[in-house]
Structure formats: structure tokens, C-alpha cells
PDB file of N, CA and C in Angstrom:
ATOM      1  N   MET A   1      15.836 -13.369  -6.259  1.00  0.00           N
ATOM      2  CA  MET A   1      14.947 -12.316  -6.799  1.00  0.00           C
ATOM      3  C   MET A   1      15.808 -11.237  -7.464  1.00  0.00           C
ATOM      4  N   SER A   2      15.588 -11.009  -8.754  1.00  0.00           N
ATOM      5  CA  SER A   2      16.363  -9.980  -9.516  1.00  0.00           C
ATOM      6  C   SER A   2      15.987  -8.613  -9.036  1.00  0.00           C
ATOM      7  N   ARG A   3      16.853  -7.731  -9.234  1.00  0.00           N
ATOM      8  CA  ARG A   3      16.777  -6.314  -8.846  1.00  0.00           C
ATOM      9  C   ARG A   3      15.495  -5.629  -9.315  1.00  0.00           C
ATOM     10  N   ASP A   4      15.102  -5.872 -10.548  1.00  0.00           N
ATOM     11  CA  ASP A   4      13.960  -5.231 -11.100  1.00  0.00           C
ATOM     12  C   ASP A   4      12.588  -5.908 -10.735  1.00  0.00           C
ATOM     13  N   ARG A   5      12.679  -6.958 -10.027  1.00  0.00           N
ATOM     14  CA  ARG A   5      11.485  -7.706  -9.625  1.00  0.00           C
ATOM     15  C   ARG A   5      11.092  -7.469  -8.151  1.00  0.00           C
ATOM     16  N   LYS A   6      11.647  -6.426  -7.539  1.00  0.00           N
ATOM     17  CA  LYS A   6      11.343  -6.134  -6.206  1.00  0.00           C
ATOM     18  C   LYS A   6       9.900  -5.825  -6.029  1.00  0.00           C
ATOM     19  N   ILE A   7       9.322  -6.182  -4.894  1.00  0.00           N
ATOM     20  CA  ILE A   7       7.882  -5.814  -4.590  1.00  0.00           C
ATOM     21  C   ILE A   7       7.875  -5.210  -3.158  1.00  0.00           C
ATOM     22  N   PHE A   8       7.249  -4.124  -3.072  1.00  0.00           N
ATOM     23  CA  PHE A   8       7.071  -3.436  -1.731  1.00  0.00           C
ATOM     24  C   PHE A   8       5.670  -3.372  -1.306  1.00  0.00           C
ATOM     25  N   ARG A   9       5.465  -3.596   0.000  1.00  0.00           N
ATOM     26  CA  ARG A   9       4.099  -3.400   0.607  1.00  0.00           C
ATOM     27  C   ARG A   9       4.142  -2.079   1.410  1.00  0.00           C
ATOM     28  N   ILE A  10       3.270  -1.205   1.088  1.00  0.00           N
ATOM     29  CA  ILE A  10       3.243   0.109   1.723  1.00  0.00           C
ATOM     30  C   ILE A  10       2.006   0.335   2.550  1.00  0.00           C
ATOM     31  N   TYR A  11       2.083   0.626   3.795  1.00  0.00           N
ATOM     32  CA  TYR A  11       1.024   0.959   4.580  1.00  0.00           C
ATOM     33  C   TYR A  11       0.981   2.433   4.866  1.00  0.00           C
ATOM     34  N   PHE A  12      -0.163   3.075   4.571  1.00  0.00           N
ATOM     35  CA  PHE A  12      -0.280   4.520   4.840  1.00  0.00           C
ATOM     36  C   PHE A  12      -1.718   4.853   5.207  1.00  0.00           C
ATOM     37  N   ASN A  13      -1.906   6.025   5.802  1.00  0.00           N
ATOM     38  CA  ASN A  13      -3.162   6.547   6.293  1.00  0.00           C
ATOM     39  C   ASN A  13      -3.458   7.811   5.492  1.00  0.00           C
ATOM     40  N   SER A  14      -4.751   7.901   5.019  1.00  0.00           N
ATOM     41  CA  SER A  14      -5.227   9.061   4.286  1.00  0.00           C
ATOM     42  C   SER A  14      -6.720   9.169   4.408  1.00  0.00           C
ATOM     43  N   GLN A  15      -7.219  10.383   4.665  1.00  0.00           N
ATOM     44  CA  GLN A  15      -8.609  10.671   4.682  1.00  0.00           C
ATOM     45  C   GLN A  15      -9.423   9.653   5.504  1.00  0.00           C
ATOM     46  N   GLY A  16      -8.961   9.341   6.739  1.00  0.00           N
ATOM     47  CA  GLY A  16      -9.678   8.475   7.665  1.00  0.00           C
ATOM     48  C   GLY A  16      -9.604   7.032   7.333  1.00  0.00           C
ATOM     49  N   LYS A  17      -8.776   6.631   6.426  1.00  0.00           N
ATOM     50  CA  LYS A  17      -8.639   5.197   6.063  1.00  0.00           C
ATOM     51  C   LYS A  17      -7.198   4.771   6.102  1.00  0.00           C
ATOM     52  N   SER A  18      -6.991   3.469   6.343  1.00  0.00           N
ATOM     53  CA  SER A  18      -5.663   2.895   6.315  1.00  0.00           C
ATOM     54  C   SER A  18      -5.546   2.100   4.994  1.00  0.00           C
ATOM     55  N   TYR A  19      -4.543   2.334   4.215  1.00  0.00           N
ATOM     56  CA  TYR A  19      -4.338   1.632   2.960  1.00  0.00           C
ATOM     57  C   TYR A  19      -3.147   0.726   2.956  1.00  0.00           C
ATOM     58  N   GLU A  20      -3.264  -0.360   2.261  1.00  0.00           N
ATOM     59  CA  GLU A  20      -2.138  -1.358   1.995  1.00  0.00           C
ATOM     60  C   GLU A  20      -1.984  -1.490   0.540  1.00  0.00           C
ATOM     61  N   LEU A  21      -0.924  -1.022  -0.036  1.00  0.00           N
ATOM     62  CA  LEU A  21      -0.722  -1.084  -1.460  1.00  0.00           C
ATOM     63  C   LEU A  21       0.570  -1.852  -1.772  1.00  0.00           C
ATOM     64  N   TYR A  22       0.621  -2.394  -2.935  1.00  0.00           N
ATOM     65  CA  TYR A  22       1.873  -3.077  -3.409  1.00  0.00           C
ATOM     66  C   TYR A  22       2.420  -2.281  -4.646  1.00  0.00           C
ATOM     67  N   ALA A  23       3.715  -2.157  -4.692  1.00  0.00           N
ATOM     68  CA  ALA A  23       4.343  -1.468  -5.756  1.00  0.00           C
ATOM     69  C   ALA A  23       5.707  -2.013  -6.101  1.00  0.00           C
ATOM     70  N   ARG A  24       6.230  -1.742  -7.281  1.00  0.00           N
ATOM     71  CA  ARG A  24       7.538  -2.194  -7.696  1.00  0.00           C
ATOM     72  C   ARG A  24       8.641  -1.166  -7.342  1.00  0.00           C
ATOM     73  N   GLU A  25       8.275   0.096  -7.137  1.00  0.00           N
ATOM     74  CA  GLU A  25       9.279   1.089  -6.909  1.00  0.00           C
ATOM     75  C   GLU A  25       8.825   2.083  -5.840  1.00  0.00           C
ATOM     76  N   VAL A  26       9.730   2.298  -4.862  1.00  0.00           N
ATOM     77  CA  VAL A  26       9.562   3.291  -3.805  1.00  0.00           C
ATOM     78  C   VAL A  26      10.839   4.134  -3.735  1.00  0.00           C
ATOM     79  N   VAL A  27      10.707   5.440  -3.919  1.00  0.00           N
ATOM     80  CA  VAL A  27      11.913   6.341  -3.897  1.00  0.00           C
ATOM     81  C   VAL A  27      11.596   7.615  -3.153  1.00  0.00           C
ATOM     82  N   GLN A  28      12.635   8.295  -2.692  1.00  0.00           N
ATOM     83  CA  GLN A  28      12.461   9.611  -2.114  1.00  0.00           C
ATOM     84  C   GLN A  28      12.087  10.551  -3.227  1.00  0.00           C
ATOM     85  N   SER A  29      11.041  11.364  -3.017  1.00  0.00           N
ATOM     86  CA  SER A  29      10.550  12.285  -4.019  1.00  0.00           C
ATOM     87  C   SER A  29      11.477  13.539  -4.112  1.00  0.00           C
ATOM     88  N   GLU A  30      11.388  14.230  -5.209  1.00  0.00           N
ATOM     89  CA  GLU A  30      12.125  15.469  -5.378  1.00  0.00           C
ATOM     90  C   GLU A  30      11.469  16.542  -4.554  1.00  0.00           C
ATOM     91  N   LEU A  31      10.172  16.328  -4.192  1.00  0.00           N
ATOM     92  CA  LEU A  31       9.450  17.280  -3.320  1.00  0.00           C
ATOM     93  C   LEU A  31       9.822  16.908  -1.884  1.00  0.00           C
ATOM     94  N   TYR A  32      10.358  17.864  -1.171  1.00  0.00           N
ATOM     95  CA  TYR A  32      10.821  17.574   0.181  1.00  0.00           C
ATOM     96  C   TYR A  32       9.693  17.108   1.122  1.00  0.00           C
ATOM     97  N   GLY A  33       9.943  16.006   1.820  1.00  0.00           N
ATOM     98  CA  GLY A  33       9.015  15.469   2.765  1.00  0.00           C
ATOM     99  C   GLY A  33       8.058  14.465   2.181  1.00  0.00           C
ATOM    100  N   PHE A  34       8.293  14.024   0.938  1.00  0.00           N
ATOM    101  CA  PHE A  34       7.409  13.042   0.311  1.00  0.00           C
ATOM    102  C   PHE A  34       8.195  11.836  -0.180  1.00  0.00           C
ATOM    103  N   VAL A  35       7.438  10.720  -0.177  1.00  0.00           N
ATOM    104  CA  VAL A  35       7.916   9.464  -0.825  1.00  0.00           C
ATOM    105  C   VAL A  35       7.110   9.187  -1.991  1.00  0.00           C
ATOM    106  N   GLU A  36       7.850   8.807  -3.102  1.00  0.00           N
ATOM    107  CA  GLU A  36       7.130   8.543  -4.385  1.00  0.00           C
ATOM    108  C   GLU A  36       6.991   7.037  -4.558  1.00  0.00           C
ATOM    109  N   ILE A  37       5.769   6.619  -4.867  1.00  0.00           N
ATOM    110  CA  ILE A  37       5.420   5.241  -5.096  1.00  0.00           C
ATOM    111  C   ILE A  37       5.098   5.115  -6.569  1.00  0.00           C
ATOM    112  N   ARG A  38       5.782   4.194  -7.268  1.00  0.00           N
ATOM    113  CA  ARG A  38       5.547   4.029  -8.737  1.00  0.00           C
ATOM    114  C   ARG A  38       5.258   2.551  -9.034  1.00  0.00           C
ATOM    115  N   GLN A  39       4.640   2.328 -10.119  1.00  0.00           N
ATOM    116  CA  GLN A  39       4.286   0.976 -10.606  1.00  0.00           C
ATOM    117  C   GLN A  39       3.457   0.210  -9.621  1.00  0.00           C
ATOM    118  N   LEU A  40       2.267   0.716  -9.270  1.00  0.00           N
ATOM    119  CA  LEU A  40       1.352   0.167  -8.368  1.00  0.00           C
ATOM    120  C   LEU A  40       0.895  -1.220  -8.926  1.00  0.00           C
ATOM    121  N   LEU A  41       0.761  -2.211  -7.991  1.00  0.00           N
ATOM    122  CA  LEU A  41       0.358  -3.532  -8.416  1.00  0.00           C
ATOM    123  C   LEU A  41      -1.037  -3.845  -7.866  1.00  0.00           C
ATOM    124  N   PHE A  42      -1.915  -4.441  -8.738  1.00  0.00           N
ATOM    125  CA  PHE A  42      -3.262  -4.746  -8.240  1.00  0.00           C
ATOM    126  C   PHE A  42      -3.598  -6.154  -8.614  1.00  0.00           C
ATOM    127  N   GLY A  43      -3.412  -7.088  -7.721  1.00  0.00           N
ATOM    128  CA  GLY A  43      -3.810  -8.446  -7.825  1.00  0.00           C
ATOM    129  C   GLY A  43      -3.618  -9.158  -9.145  1.00  0.00           C
ATOM    130  N   GLU A  44      -4.007 -10.369  -9.223  1.00  0.00           N
ATOM    131  CA  GLU A  44      -3.933 -11.193 -10.387  1.00  0.00           C
ATOM    132  C   GLU A  44      -5.039 -10.842 -11.411  1.00  0.00           C
ATOM    133  N   LYS A  45      -4.617 -10.619 -12.649  1.00  0.00           N
ATOM    134  CA  LYS A  45      -5.625 -10.262 -13.666  1.00  0.00           C
ATOM    135  C   LYS A  45      -6.528 -11.414 -14.037  1.00  0.00           C
ATOM    136  N   SER A  46      -6.024 -12.678 -13.804  1.00  0.00           N
ATOM    137  CA  SER A  46      -6.805 -13.835 -14.209  1.00  0.00           C
ATOM    138  C   SER A  46      -7.671 -14.361 -13.053  1.00  0.00           C
ATOM    139  N   SER A  47      -7.605 -13.663 -11.941  1.00  0.00           N
ATOM    140  CA  SER A  47      -8.400 -14.179 -10.714  1.00  0.00           C
ATOM    141  C   SER A  47      -9.904 -14.135 -11.042  1.00  0.00           C
ATOM    142  N   ILE A  48     -10.603 -15.174 -10.748  1.00  0.00           N
ATOM    143  CA  ILE A  48     -12.060 -15.258 -10.938  1.00  0.00           C
ATOM    144  C   ILE A  48     -12.748 -14.586  -9.825  1.00  0.00           C
ATOM    145  N   VAL A  49     -12.234 -14.723  -8.608  1.00  0.00           N
ATOM    146  CA  VAL A  49     -12.868 -14.140  -7.363  1.00  0.00           C
ATOM    147  C   VAL A  49     -12.468 -12.664  -7.295  1.00  0.00           C
ATOM    148  N   VAL A  50     -13.487 -11.808  -7.181  1.00  0.00           N
ATOM    149  CA  VAL A  50     -13.315 -10.353  -7.146  1.00  0.00           C
ATOM    150  C   VAL A  50     -13.315  -9.922  -5.680  1.00  0.00           C
ATOM    151  N   ASP A  51     -12.235  -9.222  -5.232  1.00  0.00           N
ATOM    152  CA  ASP A  51     -12.126  -8.718  -3.887  1.00  0.00           C
ATOM    153  C   ASP A  51     -12.635  -7.225  -3.943  1.00  0.00           C
ATOM    154  N   PRO A  52     -13.737  -6.910  -3.183  1.00  0.00           N
ATOM    155  CA  PRO A  52     -14.237  -5.518  -3.225  1.00  0.00           C
ATOM    156  C   PRO A  52     -13.230  -4.461  -2.858  1.00  0.00           C
ATOM    157  N   SER A  53     -12.372  -4.779  -1.811  1.00  0.00           N
ATOM    158  CA  SER A  53     -11.356  -3.820  -1.396  1.00  0.00           C
ATOM    159  C   SER A  53     -10.359  -3.593  -2.448  1.00  0.00           C
ATOM    160  N   GLU A  54      -9.906  -4.648  -3.184  1.00  0.00           N
ATOM    161  CA  GLU A  54      -8.959  -4.560  -4.258  1.00  0.00           C
ATOM    162  C   GLU A  54      -9.586  -3.737  -5.439  1.00  0.00           C
ATOM    163  N   GLU A  55     -10.876  -3.967  -5.704  1.00  0.00           N
ATOM    164  CA  GLU A  55     -11.526  -3.223  -6.726  1.00  0.00           C
ATOM    165  C   GLU A  55     -11.629  -1.698  -6.340  1.00  0.00           C
ATOM    166  N   SER A  56     -11.818  -1.387  -5.071  1.00  0.00           N
ATOM    167  CA  SER A  56     -11.835   0.008  -4.631  1.00  0.00           C
ATOM    168  C   SER A  56     -10.467   0.641  -4.863  1.00  0.00           C
ATOM    169  N   LEU A  57      -9.404  -0.092  -4.580  1.00  0.00           N
ATOM    170  CA  LEU A  57      -8.064   0.419  -4.838  1.00  0.00           C
ATOM    171  C   LEU A  57      -7.839   0.662  -6.336  1.00  0.00           C
ATOM    172  N   LYS A  58      -8.272  -0.255  -7.164  1.00  0.00           N
ATOM    173  CA  LYS A  58      -8.084  -0.093  -8.639  1.00  0.00           C
ATOM    174  C   LYS A  58      -8.857   1.181  -9.129  1.00  0.00           C
ATOM    175  N   LYS A  59     -10.050   1.317  -8.547  1.00  0.00           N
ATOM    176  CA  LYS A  59     -10.893   2.495  -8.942  1.00  0.00           C
ATOM    177  C   LYS A  59     -10.202   3.790  -8.501  1.00  0.00           C
ATOM    178  N   GLU A  60      -9.662   3.854  -7.342  1.00  0.00           N
ATOM    179  CA  GLU A  60      -8.963   5.011  -6.792  1.00  0.00           C
ATOM    180  C   GLU A  60      -7.628   5.258  -7.353  1.00  0.00           C
ATOM    181  N   PHE A  61      -6.800   4.230  -7.570  1.00  0.00           N
ATOM    182  CA  PHE A  61      -5.395   4.428  -7.978  1.00  0.00           C
ATOM    183  C   PHE A  61      -5.091   3.772  -9.335  1.00  0.00           C
ATOM    184  N   GLY A  62      -6.032   3.172 -10.025  1.00  0.00           N
ATOM    185  CA  GLY A  62      -5.741   2.456 -11.295  1.00  0.00           C
ATOM    186  C   GLY A  62      -5.046   3.217 -12.364  1.00  0.00           C
ATOM    187  N   ASP A  63      -5.356   4.512 -12.523  1.00  0.00           N
ATOM    188  CA  ASP A  63      -4.699   5.308 -13.578  1.00  0.00           C
ATOM    189  C   ASP A  63      -3.612   6.176 -13.045  1.00  0.00           C
ATOM    190  N   VAL A  64      -3.123   5.883 -11.854  1.00  0.00           N
ATOM    191  CA  VAL A  64      -2.062   6.725 -11.252  1.00  0.00           C
ATOM    192  C   VAL A  64      -0.702   6.177 -11.678  1.00  0.00           C
ATOM    193  N   LYS A  65       0.141   7.100 -12.274  1.00  0.00           N
ATOM    194  CA  LYS A  65       1.458   6.706 -12.671  1.00  0.00           C
ATOM    195  C   LYS A  65       2.449   6.813 -11.502  1.00  0.00           C
ATOM    196  N   SER A  66       2.257   7.869 -10.635  1.00  0.00           N
ATOM    197  CA  SER A  66       3.157   8.010  -9.525  1.00  0.00           C
ATOM    198  C   SER A  66       2.325   8.593  -8.373  1.00  0.00           C
ATOM    199  N   LEU A  67       2.491   8.023  -7.163  1.00  0.00           N
ATOM    200  CA  LEU A  67       1.776   8.464  -5.976  1.00  0.00           C
ATOM    201  C   LEU A  67       2.775   9.101  -5.071  1.00  0.00           C
ATOM    202  N   LEU A  68       2.527  10.362  -4.678  1.00  0.00           N
ATOM    203  CA  LEU A  68       3.402  11.077  -3.718  1.00  0.00           C
ATOM    204  C   LEU A  68       2.691  11.049  -2.306  1.00  0.00           C
ATOM    205  N   LEU A  69       3.336  10.536  -1.366  1.00  0.00           N
ATOM    206  CA  LEU A  69       2.826  10.429  -0.008  1.00  0.00           C
ATOM    207  C   LEU A  69       3.760  11.190   0.998  1.00  0.00           C
ATOM    208  N   PRO A  70       3.167  12.031   1.868  1.00  0.00           N
ATOM    209  CA  PRO A  70       4.020  12.637   2.885  1.00  0.00           C
ATOM    210  C   PRO A  70       4.568  11.614   3.837  1.00  0.00           C
ATOM    211  N   PHE A  71       5.752  11.854   4.289  1.00  0.00           N
ATOM    212  CA  PHE A  71       6.432  10.979   5.213  1.00  0.00           C
ATOM    213  C   PHE A  71       5.538  10.548   6.405  1.00  0.00           C
ATOM    214  N   GLN A  72       4.870  11.553   6.996  1.00  0.00           N
ATOM    215  CA  GLN A  72       4.083  11.311   8.175  1.00  0.00           C
ATOM    216  C   GLN A  72       2.885  10.444   7.965  1.00  0.00           C
ATOM    217  N   ALA A  73       2.445  10.270   6.738  1.00  0.00           N
ATOM    218  CA  ALA A  73       1.243   9.401   6.442  1.00  0.00           C
ATOM    219  C   ALA A  73       1.628   8.024   6.295  1.00  0.00           C
ATOM    220  N   ILE A  74       2.961   7.704   6.171  1.00  0.00           N
ATOM    221  CA  ILE A  74       3.358   6.331   5.951  1.00  0.00           C
ATOM    222  C   ILE A  74       3.637   5.650   7.266  1.00  0.00           C
ATOM    223  N   SER A  75       3.052   4.494   7.449  1.00  0.00           N
ATOM    224  CA  SER A  75       3.276   3.677   8.668  1.00  0.00           C
ATOM    225  C   SER A  75       4.440   2.750   8.558  1.00  0.00           C
ATOM    226  N   ARG A  76       4.543   2.083   7.334  1.00  0.00           N
ATOM    227  CA  ARG A  76       5.580   1.083   7.129  1.00  0.00           C
ATOM    228  C   ARG A  76       5.785   0.842   5.684  1.00  0.00           C
ATOM    229  N   ILE A  77       6.972   0.521   5.277  1.00  0.00           N
ATOM    230  CA  ILE A  77       7.277   0.015   3.931  1.00  0.00           C
ATOM    231  C   ILE A  77       8.071  -1.241   4.045  1.00  0.00           C
ATOM    232  N   GLU A  78       7.613  -2.349   3.431  1.00  0.00           N
ATOM    233  CA  GLU A  78       8.289  -3.594   3.564  1.00  0.00           C
ATOM    234  C   GLU A  78       8.607  -4.185   2.153  1.00  0.00           C
ATOM    235  N   GLN A  79       9.820  -4.813   1.986  1.00  0.00           N
ATOM    236  CA  GLN A  79      10.069  -5.473   0.780  1.00  0.00           C
ATOM    237  C   GLN A  79       9.611  -6.905   0.984  1.00  0.00           C
ATOM    238  N   VAL A  80       8.776  -7.412   0.081  1.00  0.00           N
ATOM    239  CA  VAL A  80       8.248  -8.756   0.203  1.00  0.00           C
ATOM    240  C   VAL A  80       8.595  -9.656  -1.008  1.00  0.00           C
ATOM    241  N   GLU A  81       8.331 -10.935  -0.801  1.00  0.00           N
ATOM    242  CA  GLU A  81       8.697 -11.837  -1.902  1.00  0.00           C
ATOM    243  C   GLU A  81       7.646 -11.874  -3.061  1.00  0.00           C
ATOM    244  N   LYS A  82       6.345 -11.719  -2.595  1.00  0.00           N
ATOM    245  CA  LYS A  82       5.306 -11.734  -3.657  1.00  0.00           C
ATOM    246  C   LYS A  82       4.179 -10.767  -3.255  1.00  0.00           C
ATOM    247  N   GLU A  83       3.483 -10.410  -4.227  1.00  0.00           N
ATOM    248  CA  GLU A  83       2.348  -9.555  -4.079  1.00  0.00           C
ATOM    249  C   GLU A  83       1.148 -10.190  -3.380  1.00  0.00           C
ATOM    250  N   GLY A  84       0.453  -9.465  -2.659  1.00  0.00           N
ATOM    251  CA  GLY A  84      -0.851  -9.921  -2.035  1.00  0.00           C
ATOM    252  C   GLY A  84      -2.012  -9.003  -2.455  1.00  0.00           C
ATOM    253  N   PRO A  85      -3.113  -9.173  -1.865  1.00  0.00           N
ATOM    254  CA  PRO A  85      -4.204  -8.248  -2.156  1.00  0.00           C
ATOM    255  C   PRO A  85      -4.037  -6.965  -1.406  1.00  0.00           C
ATOM    256  N   GLY A  86      -4.307  -5.820  -2.092  1.00  0.00           N
ATOM    257  CA  GLY A  86      -4.302  -4.556  -1.443  1.00  0.00           C
ATOM    258  C   GLY A  86      -5.545  -4.398  -0.636  1.00  0.00           C
ATOM    259  N   LYS A  87      -5.526  -3.475   0.322  1.00  0.00           N
ATOM    260  CA  LYS A  87      -6.688  -3.330   1.174  1.00  0.00           C
ATOM    261  C   LYS A  87      -6.906  -1.801   1.544  1.00  0.00           C
ATOM    262  N   ILE A  88      -8.158  -1.580   1.827  1.00  0.00           N
ATOM    263  CA  ILE A  88      -8.600  -0.246   2.432  1.00  0.00           C
ATOM    264  C   ILE A  88      -9.281  -0.564   3.662  1.00  0.00           C
ATOM    265  N   LEU A  89      -8.846  -0.109   4.838  1.00  0.00           N
ATOM    266  CA  LEU A  89      -9.500  -0.359   6.125  1.00  0.00           C
ATOM    267  C   LEU A  89      -9.772   0.942   6.823  1.00  0.00           C
ATOM    268  N   PRO A  90     -10.893   0.985   7.634  1.00  0.00           N
ATOM    269  CA  PRO A  90     -11.116   2.190   8.379  1.00  0.00           C
ATOM    270  C   PRO A  90     -10.008   2.352   9.489  1.00  0.00           C
ATOM    271  N   LEU A  91      -9.716   3.524   9.810  1.00  0.00           N
ATOM    272  CA  LEU A  91      -8.678   3.719  10.828  1.00  0.00           C
ATOM    273  C   LEU A  91      -9.185   3.317  12.187  1.00  0.00           C
ATOM    274  N   VAL A  92      -8.351   2.656  12.978  1.00  0.00           N
ATOM    275  CA  VAL A  92      -8.623   2.245  14.320  1.00  0.00           C
ATOM    276  C   VAL A  92      -8.026   3.258  15.273  1.00  0.00           C
ATOM    277  N   PRO A  93      -8.816   3.868  16.195  1.00  0.00           N
ATOM    278  CA  PRO A  93      -8.225   4.880  17.119  1.00  0.00           C
ATOM    279  C   PRO A  93      -7.069   4.270  17.855  1.00  0.00           C
ATOM    280  N   THR A  94      -6.027   5.085  18.095  1.00  0.00           N
ATOM    281  CA  THR A  94      -4.819   4.698  18.820  1.00  0.00           C
ATOM    282  C   THR A  94      -5.218   4.057  20.174  1.00  0.00           C
ATOM    283  N   GLY A  95      -4.546   2.980  20.486  1.00  0.00           N
ATOM    284  CA  GLY A  95      -4.842   2.264  21.836  1.00  0.00           C
ATOM    285  C   GLY A  95      -5.736   1.100  21.608  1.00  0.00           C
ATOM    286  N   GLN A  96      -6.287   0.927  20.419  1.00  0.00           N
ATOM    287  CA  GLN A  96      -7.233  -0.204  20.131  1.00  0.00           C
ATOM    288  C   GLN A  96      -6.657  -1.087  19.127  1.00  0.00           C
ATOM    289  N   ALA A  97      -6.598  -2.363  19.322  1.00  0.00           N
ATOM    290  CA  ALA A  97      -6.248  -3.353  18.335  1.00  0.00           C
ATOM    291  C   ALA A  97      -5.153  -2.988  17.338  1.00  0.00           C
ATOM    292  N   GLY A  98      -3.967  -2.594  17.883  1.00  0.00           N
ATOM    293  CA  GLY A  98      -2.862  -2.290  16.947  1.00  0.00           C
ATOM    294  C   GLY A  98      -2.810  -0.832  16.650  1.00  0.00           C
ATOM    295  N   GLU A  99      -1.802  -0.433  15.881  1.00  0.00           N
ATOM    296  CA  GLU A  99      -1.603   0.969  15.513  1.00  0.00           C
ATOM    297  C   GLU A  99      -2.241   1.322  14.166  1.00  0.00           C
ATOM    298  N   ALA A 100      -3.354   2.027  14.230  1.00  0.00           N
ATOM    299  CA  ALA A 100      -4.062   2.550  13.048  1.00  0.00           C
ATOM    300  C   ALA A 100      -4.061   1.677  11.833  1.00  0.00           C
ATOM    301  N   GLY A 101      -4.565   0.460  12.041  1.00  0.00           N
ATOM    302  CA  GLY A 101      -4.787  -0.487  10.932  1.00  0.00           C
ATOM    303  C   GLY A 101      -3.551  -1.237  10.470  1.00  0.00           C
ATOM    304  N   VAL A 102      -2.386  -1.019  11.078  1.00  0.00           N
ATOM    305  CA  VAL A 102      -1.232  -1.788  10.654  1.00  0.00           C
ATOM    306  C   VAL A 102      -1.039  -2.934  11.607  1.00  0.00           C
ATOM    307  N   PRO A 103      -1.028  -4.142  11.183  1.00  0.00           N
ATOM    308  CA  PRO A 103      -0.802  -5.270  12.138  1.00  0.00           C
ATOM    309  C   PRO A 103       0.512  -5.257  12.773  1.00  0.00           C
ATOM    310  N   PRO A 104       0.621  -5.569  14.086  1.00  0.00           N
ATOM    311  CA  PRO A 104       1.854  -5.481  14.778  1.00  0.00           C
ATOM    312  C   PRO A 104       2.863  -6.538  14.304  1.00  0.00           C
ATOM    313  N   SER A 105       2.439  -7.626  13.734  1.00  0.00           N
ATOM    314  CA  SER A 105       3.318  -8.724  13.252  1.00  0.00           C
ATOM    315  C   SER A 105       3.949  -8.438  11.897  1.00  0.00           C
ATOM    316  N   GLY A 106       3.445  -7.415  11.217  1.00  0.00           N
ATOM    317  CA  GLY A 106       3.932  -7.101   9.845  1.00  0.00           C
ATOM    318  C   GLY A 106       3.204  -7.988   8.808  1.00  0.00           C
ATOM    319  N   LYS A 107       2.280  -8.858   9.260  1.00  0.00           N
ATOM    320  CA  LYS A 107       1.584  -9.694   8.314  1.00  0.00           C
ATOM    321  C   LYS A 107       0.274  -8.996   7.976  1.00  0.00           C
ATOM    322  N   PRO A 108      -0.202  -9.120   6.703  1.00  0.00           N
ATOM    323  CA  PRO A 108      -1.526  -8.439   6.376  1.00  0.00           C
ATOM    324  C   PRO A 108      -2.651  -9.034   7.219  1.00  0.00           C
ATOM    325  N   THR A 109      -3.641  -8.115   7.491  1.00  0.00           N
ATOM    326  CA  THR A 109      -4.798  -8.595   8.202  1.00  0.00           C
ATOM    327  C   THR A 109      -5.822  -9.207   7.312  1.00  0.00           C
TER     328      THR A 109
END
């Protein structure tokens, strides 16, 4: 995999929801305490099947050039081989079925 083709899966919590996004670039922000997510990826353009969760992500983040997330909102950042579908899930209270919407195995739910 070439350096410019890296893909990252980012899990974060915001406004009572757990998000799973894919992006090409994750860097420490110039703003103290924030991570900057750039070049968000949203599924295959040629896909015939429409995923409602993916469409919600496109609606919310489709025109975003750069997303700044506070460190404490991020559950995990993983470098992956290929992009998958992004997701928005309701937060699960701590102590129930894993930690706040992030699967313990690191695999998407």
C-alpha cells in the first residue's frame, strides 16, 4: 500500500451517537486537544444498494473539508486496508454490550 493511499477508520462519540468514519488523513490539529480528520470517505459511488446510515453520514459530513474532534471524543483510530461503510449508532451505556458503540474486536458491527 503506497503512502498516499492510507485509509483510517475513526470511532468517535458526539451528541449521544457513536460514529464510524473512514478518512485518508488523520493529524494532530494546530488547536490544542484536537485531532484533525481530512479527506472523509463515503462508500462506493457506483453502489446500487443505498445504506441509510451511510447516507446520514454523507448528509452530515459530505461538504466538510476538515473535521476537528476533541481527543476525549475519539474511541479509536485504526489504519485499515480498505474502506467499509460508515455508521452512526446510538450510544450504549457503559457496562452493556461493549464500550459505547465500539466493538471489542476492532471489527465493525
